Amino acid sequence: MQLQSRPKPRAVNPDIDLETHIQPKTISDKVAYGFVRFLRFFADRLFAKRYGHRAVVLETVAAVPGMVGGLWQHLHALRKMRDDEGWIRTLLDEAENERMHLMTFIEIAQPNWFERLLIAIVQLIFYNAYFFLYLFAPRTAHRVVGYFEEEAVISYTQYLAEIDAGTHENVPAPQIAIDYWQLPSDATLRDVVIAVRADEAEHRDVNHFMVGQIDQRRAA
């Protein structure tokens, strides 16, 4: 038996809207937005314009919610003995996609020992925090991810601007990225950032959509 070692290739969506922002209206929204803005403040102070290293740490965080949400939706569907309406696969695909972002930026940024330690600590703290948040407040949990991805789109847009300005070297894309996003053999870091940014925008829309679905279920 041979296990699948790589996820299926993913196409880049060049037409996705990069400007979407959901204004926080409910208390749940405001808590989620405030939490994400706090994380943004922390990341800005810690990494400044070291976008490759920022991506390594933050993609570790971003890979957690999809796995946690997929687990809880799986258990919920079993407990309720009902169809999951596509939530499980969508969330697990999101987790896998974010993991591929991480694997890609590890090749580009080559994190040092401190950043690897930080990754382990952040993952430990965030996994447990998000696990209990999803258990008690799944709506807020999905809104957190929606806002987190909004900030990710902004960060990757800034990263792209730095590459275009020559501040960051536009190095060749790692082979793992070329294979995953089906990029040309001569693809560069710029192409990778565009692909990752499109993925983050898609995750943003999916998680905000899931908040709307939860609201509809509660209103029914």
Protein backbone atom coordinates (compact mmCIF):
# COMPACT_ATOMS: atom_id res chain seq x y z
CA MET A 1 0.00 0.00 0.00
CA GLN A 2 1.20 3.51 -0.83
CA LEU A 3 -0.35 6.55 0.79
CA GLN A 4 -0.96 9.76 -1.13
CA SER A 5 1.94 12.09 -0.32
CA ARG A 6 0.73 15.27 -2.00
CA PRO A 7 -2.69 16.93 -2.23
CA LYS A 8 -4.37 17.28 -5.58
CA PRO A 9 -3.18 20.23 -7.70
CA ARG A 10 -5.13 23.46 -7.26
CA ALA A 11 -5.95 26.05 -9.90
CA VAL A 12 -5.42 29.75 -9.18
CA ASN A 13 -8.56 31.91 -9.29
CA PRO A 14 -7.41 35.23 -10.84
CA ASP A 15 -10.85 36.87 -10.70
CA ILE A 16 -11.69 36.60 -7.00
CA ASP A 17 -12.61 39.85 -5.26
CA LEU A 18 -9.76 41.07 -3.05
CA GLU A 19 -11.62 43.97 -1.45
CA THR A 20 -14.41 42.20 0.46
CA HIS A 21 -14.88 43.22 4.08
CA ILE A 22 -17.78 42.29 6.34
CA GLN A 23 -18.55 45.10 8.75
CA PRO A 24 -18.88 43.75 12.32
CA LYS A 25 -22.45 44.28 13.50
CA THR A 26 -23.25 41.79 16.26
CA ILE A 27 -21.35 41.37 19.51
CA SER A 28 -20.01 38.10 18.11
CA ASP A 29 -18.68 39.92 15.04
CA LYS A 30 -17.04 42.64 17.13
CA VAL A 31 -15.35 40.12 19.41
CA ALA A 32 -14.04 38.21 16.39
CA TYR A 33 -12.83 41.36 14.65
CA GLY A 34 -11.17 42.71 17.79
CA PHE A 35 -9.35 39.43 18.35
CA VAL A 36 -8.07 39.35 14.77
CA ARG A 37 -6.94 42.97 14.93
CA PHE A 38 -5.02 42.15 18.10
CA LEU A 39 -3.26 39.30 16.29
CA ARG A 40 -2.51 41.67 13.42
CA PHE A 41 -0.97 44.22 15.81
CA PHE A 42 1.20 41.49 17.34
CA ALA A 43 2.32 40.19 13.92
CA ASP A 44 3.15 43.69 12.66
CA ARG A 45 5.34 44.39 15.69
CA LEU A 46 7.08 41.03 15.59
CA PHE A 47 7.75 40.68 11.87
CA ALA A 48 7.36 44.17 10.37
CA LYS A 49 8.05 43.69 6.63
CA ARG A 50 9.65 40.25 6.91
CA TYR A 51 6.69 38.85 5.02
CA GLY A 52 8.15 35.44 4.28
CA HIS A 53 8.81 34.74 7.95
CA ARG A 54 5.44 36.22 8.90
CA ALA A 55 3.79 33.83 6.45
CA VAL A 56 5.51 30.80 7.98
CA VAL A 57 4.18 31.55 11.47
CA LEU A 58 0.74 32.77 10.46
CA GLU A 59 0.10 29.91 8.05
CA THR A 60 0.70 27.57 10.99
CA VAL A 61 -2.19 29.32 12.74
CA ALA A 62 -4.32 29.41 9.59
CA ALA A 63 -4.03 25.64 9.13
CA VAL A 64 -5.72 24.95 12.48
CA PRO A 65 -9.34 26.18 12.07
CA GLY A 66 -10.23 24.02 9.08
CA MET A 67 -9.08 20.86 10.84
CA VAL A 68 -10.87 21.75 14.08
CA GLY A 69 -14.05 22.77 12.25
CA GLY A 70 -13.97 19.65 10.07
CA LEU A 71 -13.63 17.46 13.17
CA TRP A 72 -16.54 19.11 14.96
CA GLN A 73 -18.76 19.05 11.88
CA HIS A 74 -17.95 15.35 11.44
CA LEU A 75 -18.89 14.56 15.03
CA HIS A 76 -22.00 16.76 14.81
CA ALA A 77 -23.19 15.01 11.64
CA LEU A 78 -22.69 11.61 13.28
CA ARG A 79 -24.45 12.65 16.47
CA LYS A 80 -27.40 14.19 14.63
CA MET A 81 -27.38 11.40 12.01
CA ARG A 82 -27.73 13.89 9.19
CA ASP A 83 -25.87 15.02 6.09
CA ASP A 84 -23.11 17.57 6.68
CA GLU A 85 -24.06 19.57 3.54
CA GLY A 86 -20.46 19.66 2.36
CA TRP A 87 -19.01 21.40 5.41
CA ILE A 88 -16.59 18.62 6.41
CA ARG A 89 -14.83 18.33 3.06
CA THR A 90 -14.74 22.10 2.60
CA LEU A 91 -13.12 22.68 5.98
CA LEU A 92 -10.62 19.83 5.64
CA ASP A 93 -9.68 21.08 2.17
CA GLU A 94 -9.09 24.50 3.71
CA ALA A 95 -6.79 23.00 6.34
CA GLU A 96 -4.84 21.10 3.68
CA ASN A 97 -4.54 24.20 1.52
CA GLU A 98 -3.19 26.27 4.41
CA ARG A 99 -0.70 23.50 5.18
CA MET A 100 0.56 23.71 1.60
CA HIS A 101 1.00 27.46 2.06
CA LEU A 102 3.16 26.67 5.08
CA MET A 103 5.22 24.06 3.25
CA THR A 104 5.78 26.53 0.42
CA PHE A 105 6.95 29.42 2.61
CA ILE A 106 9.23 27.15 4.63
CA GLU A 107 11.07 26.56 1.35
CA ILE A 108 11.24 30.31 0.70
CA ALA A 109 11.90 31.81 4.14
CA GLN A 110 13.93 29.04 5.84
CA PRO A 111 12.74 29.79 9.41
CA ASN A 112 15.38 29.92 12.14
CA TRP A 113 15.28 28.06 15.46
CA PHE A 114 13.42 30.88 17.23
CA GLU A 115 10.67 30.96 14.60
CA ARG A 116 10.36 27.17 14.71
CA LEU A 117 9.96 27.37 18.50
CA LEU A 118 7.44 30.17 18.08
CA ILE A 119 5.49 28.01 15.61
CA ALA A 120 5.24 25.18 18.14
CA ILE A 121 4.12 27.51 20.93
CA VAL A 122 1.60 29.39 18.77
CA GLN A 123 0.11 26.18 17.44
CA LEU A 124 -0.27 24.74 20.95
CA ILE A 125 -2.01 27.84 22.28
CA PHE A 126 -4.16 28.59 19.24
CA TYR A 127 -5.31 25.01 18.68
CA ASN A 128 -6.67 24.68 22.21
CA ALA A 129 -8.21 28.16 22.17
CA TYR A 130 -9.90 27.62 18.81
CA PHE A 131 -11.06 24.13 19.77
CA PHE A 132 -13.06 25.46 22.70
CA LEU A 133 -14.23 28.50 20.77
CA TYR A 134 -15.67 26.23 18.07
CA LEU A 135 -17.24 24.00 20.73
CA PHE A 136 -19.12 26.83 22.42
CA ALA A 137 -19.41 29.49 19.68
CA PRO A 138 -19.00 28.10 16.14
CA ARG A 139 -20.47 31.26 14.60
CA THR A 140 -17.80 33.40 16.22
CA ALA A 141 -15.15 30.84 15.27
CA HIS A 142 -16.01 31.08 11.57
CA ARG A 143 -16.18 34.86 11.76
CA VAL A 144 -12.69 34.89 13.31
CA VAL A 145 -11.40 32.93 10.32
CA GLY A 146 -13.24 35.21 7.90
CA TYR A 147 -11.58 38.29 9.41
CA PHE A 148 -8.26 36.49 9.72
CA GLU A 149 -8.35 35.79 6.00
CA GLU A 150 -9.28 39.40 5.24
CA GLU A 151 -6.09 40.43 7.01
CA ALA A 152 -4.15 37.74 5.16
CA VAL A 153 -5.28 39.16 1.81
CA ILE A 154 -4.06 42.60 2.93
CA SER A 155 -0.72 41.18 4.09
CA TYR A 156 -0.09 39.31 0.85
CA THR A 157 -1.04 42.39 -1.17
CA GLN A 158 1.59 44.33 0.79
CA TYR A 159 4.07 41.49 0.24
CA LEU A 160 3.37 41.67 -3.49
CA ALA A 161 3.98 45.44 -3.49
CA GLU A 162 7.33 44.92 -1.76
CA ILE A 163 8.32 42.36 -4.41
CA ASP A 164 7.29 44.72 -7.21
CA ALA A 165 9.27 47.54 -5.60
CA GLY A 166 12.38 45.36 -5.45
CA THR A 167 12.51 45.33 -1.65
CA HIS A 168 12.11 41.56 -1.63
CA GLU A 169 13.95 39.46 -4.20
CA ASN A 170 11.61 37.77 -6.67
CA VAL A 171 13.22 34.36 -6.27
CA PRO A 172 12.19 31.27 -8.28
CA ALA A 173 9.11 29.50 -6.96
CA PRO A 174 9.76 26.26 -5.04
CA GLN A 175 8.91 23.08 -6.91
CA ILE A 176 6.25 22.21 -4.35
CA ALA A 177 4.39 25.42 -5.28
CA ILE A 178 4.78 24.86 -9.02
CA ASP A 179 3.31 21.36 -8.69
CA TYR A 180 0.48 22.35 -6.34
CA TRP A 181 -0.79 25.44 -8.16
CA GLN A 182 0.16 24.14 -11.61
CA LEU A 183 2.40 27.16 -12.21
CA PRO A 184 4.78 27.53 -15.17
CA SER A 185 8.22 25.99 -14.68
CA ASP A 186 9.75 29.48 -14.57
CA ALA A 187 7.28 30.79 -11.94
CA THR A 188 8.60 33.15 -9.28
CA LEU A 189 7.78 34.20 -5.73
CA ARG A 190 5.43 36.82 -7.18
CA ASP A 191 3.33 34.09 -8.81
CA VAL A 192 3.25 32.17 -5.54
CA VAL A 193 2.06 35.18 -3.55
CA ILE A 194 -0.72 35.83 -6.08
CA ALA A 195 -1.83 32.19 -5.81
CA VAL A 196 -1.76 32.18 -2.01
CA ARG A 197 -3.63 35.49 -1.83
CA ALA A 198 -6.40 34.09 -4.04
CA ASP A 199 -6.67 31.05 -1.75
CA GLU A 200 -6.98 33.28 1.32
CA ALA A 201 -9.71 35.35 -0.35
CA GLU A 202 -11.62 32.15 -1.07
CA HIS A 203 -11.31 30.99 2.55
CA ARG A 204 -12.50 34.43 3.66
CA ASP A 205 -15.65 34.14 1.56
CA VAL A 206 -16.35 30.54 2.61
CA ASN A 207 -16.12 31.28 6.33
CA HIS A 208 -18.24 34.42 6.13
CA PHE A 209 -20.77 32.38 4.13
CA MET A 210 -20.80 29.73 6.86
CA VAL A 211 -21.63 32.41 9.43
CA GLY A 212 -24.64 33.31 7.29
CA GLN A 213 -25.67 29.66 7.13
CA ILE A 214 -25.49 29.36 10.91
CA ASP A 215 -27.65 32.48 11.27
CA GLN A 216 -30.24 31.01 8.90
CA ARG A 217 -30.38 27.75 10.83
CA ARG A 218 -30.93 29.59 14.09
CA ALA A 219 -33.63 31.76 12.58
CA ALA A 220 -35.52 28.79 11.11
